[in-house]
Amino acid sequence: MAITSSAKKAIRASARKHVFNLRRKDALRDTTKLLTKALAAKDVSGAEKLLPAAYKAIDKAKKRGVIKGNTADRKKARLAAAIKRAKA
């Protein structure tokens, strides 16, 4: 248990940041899942409309440090490639 007031404050700040990080991670997962479900249902135009939202969620998670840069770039590339494959 934290003893000093600064340690107690750090715990409170960490808890707040944890909530924001979970929210970003959920948004990332939800948008990605919607896009992949649209692709599975052969709805390519719907998936293309969801791509900017997925990119936005990925970029925000990257910016806040929820995921690393290369992971974000890889996710974006794989989503774009999946849409490209579905079109063909």
Protein backbone atom coordinates (compact mmCIF):
# COMPACT_ATOMS: atom_id res chain seq x y z
CA MET A 1 0.00 0.00 0.00
CA ALA A 2 1.21 3.49 -0.82
CA ILE A 3 2.37 5.54 2.14
CA THR A 4 3.44 8.92 0.81
CA SER A 5 0.92 11.33 -0.63
CA SER A 6 2.73 11.40 -3.98
CA ALA A 7 2.52 7.60 -4.21
CA LYS A 8 -1.19 7.74 -3.44
CA LYS A 9 -1.66 10.38 -6.14
CA ALA A 10 0.29 8.22 -8.61
CA ILE A 11 -2.06 5.32 -7.90
CA ARG A 12 -5.09 7.53 -8.58
CA ALA A 13 -3.57 8.82 -11.82
CA SER A 14 -2.67 5.31 -12.91
CA ALA A 15 -6.23 4.12 -12.31
CA ARG A 16 -7.60 7.01 -14.42
CA LYS A 17 -5.18 6.30 -17.24
CA HIS A 18 -6.04 2.60 -17.06
CA VAL A 19 -9.70 3.39 -17.76
CA PHE A 20 -8.79 5.54 -20.79
CA ASN A 21 -6.43 2.87 -22.13
CA LEU A 22 -9.09 0.17 -21.78
CA ARG A 23 -11.55 2.40 -23.62
CA ARG A 24 -9.10 2.92 -26.48
CA LYS A 25 -8.32 -0.78 -26.66
CA ASP A 26 -12.03 -1.65 -26.75
CA ALA A 27 -12.65 0.88 -29.53
CA LEU A 28 -9.74 -0.60 -31.46
CA ARG A 29 -11.01 -4.14 -31.06
CA ASP A 30 -14.65 -3.24 -31.83
CA THR A 31 -13.93 -1.34 -35.04
CA THR A 32 -11.55 -4.03 -36.27
CA LYS A 33 -14.09 -6.73 -35.49
CA LEU A 34 -16.88 -4.88 -37.31
CA LEU A 35 -14.68 -4.54 -40.38
CA THR A 36 -13.70 -8.22 -40.40
CA LYS A 37 -17.32 -9.28 -39.92
CA ALA A 38 -18.32 -7.12 -42.89
CA LEU A 39 -15.62 -8.82 -44.96
CA ALA A 40 -16.78 -12.25 -43.82
CA ALA A 41 -20.30 -11.36 -44.95
CA LYS A 42 -18.92 -10.37 -48.39
CA ASP A 43 -19.89 -6.72 -47.75
CA VAL A 44 -16.82 -5.07 -49.31
CA SER A 45 -18.39 -1.61 -49.67
CA GLY A 46 -19.44 -1.66 -46.02
CA ALA A 47 -15.95 -2.70 -45.00
CA GLU A 48 -14.46 0.14 -47.04
CA LYS A 49 -16.70 2.60 -45.19
CA LEU A 50 -15.52 1.18 -41.85
CA LEU A 51 -11.82 1.42 -42.77
CA PRO A 52 -11.37 5.12 -41.80
CA ALA A 53 -12.94 4.46 -38.39
CA ALA A 54 -10.63 1.50 -37.86
CA TYR A 55 -7.62 3.61 -38.91
CA LYS A 56 -8.69 6.33 -36.49
CA ALA A 57 -8.98 3.89 -33.58
CA ILE A 58 -5.61 2.34 -34.41
CA ASP A 59 -3.90 5.71 -34.70
CA LYS A 60 -5.36 6.95 -31.42
CA ALA A 61 -4.24 3.79 -29.62
CA LYS A 62 -0.78 4.25 -31.13
CA LYS A 63 -0.62 7.91 -30.14
CA ARG A 64 -1.49 7.16 -26.51
CA GLY A 65 0.90 4.22 -26.27
CA VAL A 66 -1.75 1.52 -25.95
CA ILE A 67 -0.11 -0.30 -28.87
CA LYS A 68 3.30 0.17 -30.40
CA GLY A 69 3.94 1.90 -33.70
CA ASN A 70 4.88 -1.16 -35.71
CA THR A 71 1.87 -3.04 -34.36
CA ALA A 72 -0.41 -0.22 -35.48
CA ASP A 73 1.16 -0.10 -38.93
CA ARG A 74 0.86 -3.87 -39.27
CA LYS A 75 -2.82 -3.85 -38.28
CA LYS A 76 -3.60 -1.10 -40.78
CA ALA A 77 -1.73 -2.89 -43.56
CA ARG A 78 -3.49 -6.18 -42.87
CA LEU A 79 -6.94 -4.55 -42.87
CA ALA A 80 -6.21 -2.79 -46.16
CA ALA A 81 -4.85 -6.01 -47.67
CA ALA A 82 -7.94 -7.94 -46.55
CA ILE A 83 -10.20 -5.42 -48.29
CA LYS A 84 -8.04 -5.55 -51.41
CA ARG A 85 -8.25 -9.37 -51.45
CA ALA A 86 -12.02 -9.26 -50.98
CA LYS A 87 -12.40 -6.93 -53.98
CA ALA A 88 -10.49 -9.28 -56.27
